[in-house]
Amino acid sequence: MTAREFLETVPPKVDAEENKDLNTALHFDLEDEQYTITVKDGVAELSDGLNGESEVTLKASPENFVKIASGDMNPMTAMMFGKLKVSNPGAMMKYAKLLGFM
């Protein structure tokens, strides 16, 4: 699985009714790959590039991101060892389940 393939699985999993009041953007800065997941009124969409202002930006290598996304690497351990940088860890905790990290 690639980082893009994982991120493509996220928008269909977002329950629009459950997240109807959610309006945010999450940036994924994965070296040469950059993506944005935007959620507006509970509807999620993936786009290429870092678009708009994000509430959270995740930085990692594509390989480490895939390990984290697939459960092969613990996100907290990755942060402690500098393999994952999160601009707003508090907000990221809210979105970990949304992204399938929990």
N, C-alpha and C. Protein backbone atom coordinates (compact mmCIF):
# COMPACT_ATOMS: atom_id res chain seq x y z
N MET A 1 0.84 -1.18 0.00
CA MET A 1 0.00 0.00 0.00
C MET A 1 0.89 1.24 0.00
N THR A 2 0.50 2.22 -0.80
CA THR A 2 1.21 3.50 -0.80
C THR A 2 0.47 4.48 0.11
N ALA A 3 1.11 5.60 0.39
CA ALA A 3 0.47 6.63 1.21
C ALA A 3 -0.81 7.13 0.54
N ARG A 4 -0.73 7.36 -0.76
CA ARG A 4 -1.92 7.84 -1.48
C ARG A 4 -3.04 6.81 -1.42
N GLU A 5 -2.70 5.54 -1.62
CA GLU A 5 -3.73 4.50 -1.57
C GLU A 5 -4.41 4.48 -0.21
N PHE A 6 -3.62 4.63 0.87
CA PHE A 6 -4.24 4.68 2.20
C PHE A 6 -5.15 5.90 2.33
N LEU A 7 -4.63 7.07 1.94
CA LEU A 7 -5.42 8.30 2.09
C LEU A 7 -6.69 8.26 1.24
N GLU A 8 -6.68 7.57 0.12
CA GLU A 8 -7.88 7.44 -0.70
C GLU A 8 -8.98 6.65 0.01
N THR A 9 -8.60 5.83 0.99
CA THR A 9 -9.60 5.05 1.72
C THR A 9 -10.29 5.85 2.81
N VAL A 10 -9.73 7.00 3.17
CA VAL A 10 -10.27 7.77 4.30
C VAL A 10 -11.60 8.45 3.98
N PRO A 11 -11.72 9.26 2.91
CA PRO A 11 -12.98 9.98 2.70
C PRO A 11 -14.24 9.11 2.68
N PRO A 12 -14.23 7.93 2.04
CA PRO A 12 -15.45 7.12 2.07
C PRO A 12 -15.84 6.62 3.47
N LYS A 13 -14.87 6.56 4.39
CA LYS A 13 -15.14 6.08 5.74
C LYS A 13 -15.74 7.15 6.65
N VAL A 14 -15.65 8.41 6.24
CA VAL A 14 -16.14 9.50 7.09
C VAL A 14 -17.66 9.52 7.01
N ASP A 15 -18.29 9.32 8.15
CA ASP A 15 -19.75 9.32 8.23
C ASP A 15 -20.24 10.77 8.23
N ALA A 16 -20.87 11.17 7.13
CA ALA A 16 -21.30 12.57 6.96
C ALA A 16 -22.29 12.98 8.05
N GLU A 17 -23.18 12.10 8.44
CA GLU A 17 -24.17 12.43 9.46
C GLU A 17 -23.50 12.61 10.82
N GLU A 18 -22.61 11.70 11.15
CA GLU A 18 -21.91 11.75 12.43
C GLU A 18 -20.99 12.95 12.53
N ASN A 19 -20.45 13.41 11.40
CA ASN A 19 -19.49 14.51 11.37
C ASN A 19 -20.05 15.76 10.70
N LYS A 20 -21.36 15.92 10.71
CA LYS A 20 -22.00 17.00 9.96
C LYS A 20 -21.55 18.40 10.36
N ASP A 21 -21.06 18.55 11.58
CA ASP A 21 -20.60 19.86 12.03
C ASP A 21 -19.09 20.04 11.88
N LEU A 22 -18.44 19.05 11.29
CA LEU A 22 -16.99 19.08 11.17
C LEU A 22 -16.57 19.81 9.89
N ASN A 23 -15.73 20.82 10.05
CA ASN A 23 -15.15 21.58 8.95
C ASN A 23 -13.68 21.79 9.27
N THR A 24 -12.82 21.07 8.56
CA THR A 24 -11.40 21.15 8.85
C THR A 24 -10.59 20.72 7.64
N ALA A 25 -9.30 20.93 7.71
CA ALA A 25 -8.38 20.44 6.68
C ALA A 25 -7.18 19.84 7.38
N LEU A 26 -6.72 18.71 6.86
CA LEU A 26 -5.55 18.03 7.40
C LEU A 26 -4.53 17.90 6.27
N HIS A 27 -3.32 18.37 6.52
CA HIS A 27 -2.25 18.28 5.52
C HIS A 27 -1.36 17.09 5.82
N PHE A 28 -0.91 16.44 4.75
CA PHE A 28 0.02 15.32 4.84
C PHE A 28 1.22 15.67 3.98
N ASP A 29 2.31 16.04 4.64
CA ASP A 29 3.54 16.45 3.96
C ASP A 29 4.49 15.26 4.01
N LEU A 30 4.50 14.47 2.93
CA LEU A 30 5.25 13.22 2.90
C LEU A 30 6.40 13.33 1.91
N GLU A 31 7.31 14.24 2.21
CA GLU A 31 8.47 14.52 1.36
C GLU A 31 8.01 14.97 -0.02
N ASP A 32 8.19 14.15 -1.05
CA ASP A 32 7.81 14.56 -2.41
C ASP A 32 6.31 14.44 -2.68
N GLU A 33 5.58 13.86 -1.75
CA GLU A 33 4.13 13.70 -1.89
C GLU A 33 3.45 14.61 -0.88
N GLN A 34 2.46 15.34 -1.33
CA GLN A 34 1.70 16.21 -0.42
C GLN A 34 0.21 16.08 -0.74
N TYR A 35 -0.58 15.95 0.33
CA TYR A 35 -2.01 15.75 0.17
C TYR A 35 -2.76 16.55 1.22
N THR A 36 -4.03 16.81 0.92
CA THR A 36 -4.92 17.46 1.87
C THR A 36 -6.21 16.67 1.93
N ILE A 37 -6.66 16.40 3.15
CA ILE A 37 -8.01 15.88 3.33
C ILE A 37 -8.81 17.03 3.92
N THR A 38 -9.84 17.42 3.19
CA THR A 38 -10.72 18.49 3.63
C THR A 38 -12.04 17.86 4.04
N VAL A 39 -12.56 18.29 5.17
CA VAL A 39 -13.88 17.85 5.61
C VAL A 39 -14.74 19.09 5.75
N LYS A 40 -15.82 19.12 4.98
CA LYS A 40 -16.73 20.25 5.03
C LYS A 40 -18.14 19.72 5.23
N ASP A 41 -18.76 20.16 6.33
CA ASP A 41 -20.10 19.69 6.69
C ASP A 41 -20.17 18.18 6.70
N GLY A 42 -19.08 17.55 7.16
CA GLY A 42 -19.04 16.10 7.30
C GLY A 42 -18.65 15.33 6.06
N VAL A 43 -18.47 16.01 4.94
CA VAL A 43 -18.10 15.33 3.69
C VAL A 43 -16.59 15.51 3.48
N ALA A 44 -15.89 14.38 3.38
CA ALA A 44 -14.43 14.40 3.25
C ALA A 44 -14.02 14.25 1.79
N GLU A 45 -12.90 14.90 1.47
CA GLU A 45 -12.38 14.86 0.11
C GLU A 45 -10.86 14.90 0.17
N LEU A 46 -10.23 14.09 -0.66
CA LEU A 46 -8.77 14.06 -0.76
C LEU A 46 -8.35 14.85 -1.98
N SER A 47 -7.32 15.67 -1.83
CA SER A 47 -6.78 16.40 -2.99
C SER A 47 -5.26 16.39 -2.91
N ASP A 48 -4.63 16.57 -4.06
CA ASP A 48 -3.18 16.67 -4.13
C ASP A 48 -2.74 18.05 -3.68
N GLY A 49 -1.58 18.11 -3.06
CA GLY A 49 -1.03 19.39 -2.60
C GLY A 49 -1.50 19.76 -1.21
N LEU A 50 -0.89 20.80 -0.67
CA LEU A 50 -1.28 21.33 0.64
C LEU A 50 -2.18 22.51 0.39
N ASN A 51 -3.48 22.27 0.42
CA ASN A 51 -4.48 23.27 0.03
C ASN A 51 -5.13 23.91 1.24
N GLY A 52 -5.21 25.22 1.22
CA GLY A 52 -5.87 25.95 2.29
C GLY A 52 -5.09 25.90 3.59
N GLU A 53 -5.75 26.35 4.64
CA GLU A 53 -5.13 26.38 5.97
C GLU A 53 -5.54 25.10 6.69
N SER A 54 -4.54 24.42 7.27
CA SER A 54 -4.84 23.16 7.94
C SER A 54 -4.91 23.33 9.44
N GLU A 55 -5.70 22.48 10.05
CA GLU A 55 -5.75 22.42 11.50
C GLU A 55 -4.60 21.57 12.02
N VAL A 56 -4.20 20.58 11.22
CA VAL A 56 -3.12 19.67 11.58
C VAL A 56 -2.29 19.38 10.32
N THR A 57 -0.97 19.35 10.48
CA THR A 57 -0.08 18.91 9.41
C THR A 57 0.75 17.75 9.95
N LEU A 58 0.74 16.66 9.21
CA LEU A 58 1.57 15.51 9.53
C LEU A 58 2.73 15.48 8.55
N LYS A 59 3.94 15.31 9.09
CA LYS A 59 5.14 15.20 8.26
C LYS A 59 5.82 13.87 8.57
N ALA A 60 6.11 13.13 7.51
CA ALA A 60 6.79 11.85 7.64
C ALA A 60 7.28 11.45 6.27
N SER A 61 8.14 10.44 6.23
CA SER A 61 8.48 9.87 4.93
C SER A 61 7.28 9.04 4.48
N PRO A 62 7.09 8.87 3.19
CA PRO A 62 5.97 8.03 2.72
C PRO A 62 6.03 6.63 3.32
N GLU A 63 7.23 6.07 3.44
CA GLU A 63 7.39 4.72 3.98
C GLU A 63 6.94 4.66 5.45
N ASN A 64 7.36 5.63 6.25
CA ASN A 64 6.95 5.64 7.66
C ASN A 64 5.47 5.90 7.80
N PHE A 65 4.93 6.77 6.95
CA PHE A 65 3.50 7.04 7.02
C PHE A 65 2.71 5.75 6.76
N VAL A 66 3.12 4.98 5.78
CA VAL A 66 2.44 3.72 5.46
C VAL A 66 2.55 2.75 6.63
N LYS A 67 3.72 2.70 7.28
CA LYS A 67 3.88 1.82 8.45
C LYS A 67 2.93 2.24 9.57
N ILE A 68 2.80 3.54 9.77
CA ILE A 68 1.89 4.04 10.81
C ILE A 68 0.45 3.73 10.43
N ALA A 69 0.09 4.02 9.19
CA ALA A 69 -1.28 3.82 8.72
C ALA A 69 -1.69 2.35 8.77
N SER A 70 -0.74 1.46 8.50
CA SER A 70 -1.06 0.03 8.48
C SER A 70 -0.97 -0.61 9.86
N GLY A 71 -0.53 0.15 10.86
CA GLY A 71 -0.43 -0.38 12.22
C GLY A 71 0.89 -1.05 12.51
N ASP A 72 1.84 -1.02 11.57
CA ASP A 72 3.14 -1.62 11.79
C ASP A 72 4.06 -0.74 12.64
N MET A 73 3.69 0.55 12.79
CA MET A 73 4.48 1.46 13.62
C MET A 73 3.50 2.26 14.48
N ASN A 74 3.80 2.33 15.76
CA ASN A 74 2.96 3.08 16.68
C ASN A 74 3.16 4.58 16.45
N PRO A 75 2.07 5.35 16.26
CA PRO A 75 2.21 6.79 16.00
C PRO A 75 2.93 7.55 17.12
N MET A 76 2.67 7.18 18.37
CA MET A 76 3.32 7.89 19.48
C MET A 76 4.83 7.59 19.49
N THR A 77 5.19 6.35 19.24
CA THR A 77 6.60 5.98 19.17
C THR A 77 7.27 6.71 18.00
N ALA A 78 6.57 6.76 16.87
CA ALA A 78 7.10 7.46 15.69
C ALA A 78 7.36 8.93 16.01
N MET A 79 6.46 9.55 16.77
CA MET A 79 6.66 10.96 17.15
C MET A 79 7.87 11.10 18.07
N MET A 80 8.00 10.19 19.03
CA MET A 80 9.11 10.27 19.99
C MET A 80 10.47 10.14 19.30
N PHE A 81 10.52 9.34 18.22
CA PHE A 81 11.78 9.12 17.51
C PHE A 81 11.94 10.03 16.30
N GLY A 82 11.03 11.01 16.15
CA GLY A 82 11.15 11.99 15.07
C GLY A 82 10.78 11.46 13.70
N LYS A 83 10.14 10.31 13.64
CA LYS A 83 9.74 9.74 12.35
C LYS A 83 8.40 10.30 11.88
N LEU A 84 7.69 10.95 12.80
CA LEU A 84 6.42 11.59 12.51
C LEU A 84 6.38 12.90 13.27
N LYS A 85 6.08 13.96 12.55
CA LYS A 85 5.93 15.27 13.19
C LYS A 85 4.48 15.70 12.98
N VAL A 86 3.87 16.17 14.06
CA VAL A 86 2.48 16.59 14.03
C VAL A 86 2.41 18.03 14.53
N SER A 87 1.84 18.92 13.71
CA SER A 87 1.83 20.34 14.06
C SER A 87 0.92 20.65 15.24
N ASN A 88 -0.12 19.86 15.44
CA ASN A 88 -1.10 20.13 16.50
C ASN A 88 -1.52 18.79 17.09
N PRO A 89 -0.69 18.21 17.99
CA PRO A 89 -1.00 16.87 18.52
C PRO A 89 -2.36 16.76 19.19
N GLY A 90 -2.80 17.80 19.87
CA GLY A 90 -4.10 17.77 20.54
C GLY A 90 -5.24 17.58 19.54
N ALA A 91 -5.19 18.34 18.46
CA ALA A 91 -6.22 18.20 17.43
C ALA A 91 -6.09 16.86 16.72
N MET A 92 -4.86 16.40 16.55
CA MET A 92 -4.65 15.13 15.86
C MET A 92 -5.31 13.98 16.61
N MET A 93 -5.31 14.06 17.92
CA MET A 93 -5.96 13.02 18.72
C MET A 93 -7.44 12.91 18.35
N LYS A 94 -8.07 14.05 18.05
CA LYS A 94 -9.49 14.03 17.65
C LYS A 94 -9.68 13.30 16.33
N TYR A 95 -8.69 13.41 15.44
CA TYR A 95 -8.84 12.88 14.09
C TYR A 95 -8.22 11.52 13.88
N ALA A 96 -7.54 10.98 14.88
CA ALA A 96 -6.88 9.68 14.74
C ALA A 96 -7.88 8.59 14.35
N LYS A 97 -9.04 8.58 15.00
CA LYS A 97 -10.06 7.58 14.67
C LYS A 97 -10.62 7.82 13.28
N LEU A 98 -10.86 9.07 12.94
CA LEU A 98 -11.37 9.44 11.63
C LEU A 98 -10.45 8.92 10.53
N LEU A 99 -9.14 9.00 10.76
CA LEU A 99 -8.15 8.58 9.78
C LEU A 99 -7.88 7.09 9.82
N GLY A 100 -8.42 6.40 10.80
CA GLY A 100 -8.19 4.97 10.90
C GLY A 100 -6.92 4.60 11.62
N PHE A 101 -6.36 5.53 12.40
CA PHE A 101 -5.15 5.25 13.16
C PHE A 101 -5.47 4.57 14.49
N MET A 102 -6.75 4.52 14.86
CA MET A 102 -7.17 3.90 16.14
C MET A 102 -8.36 3.03 15.88
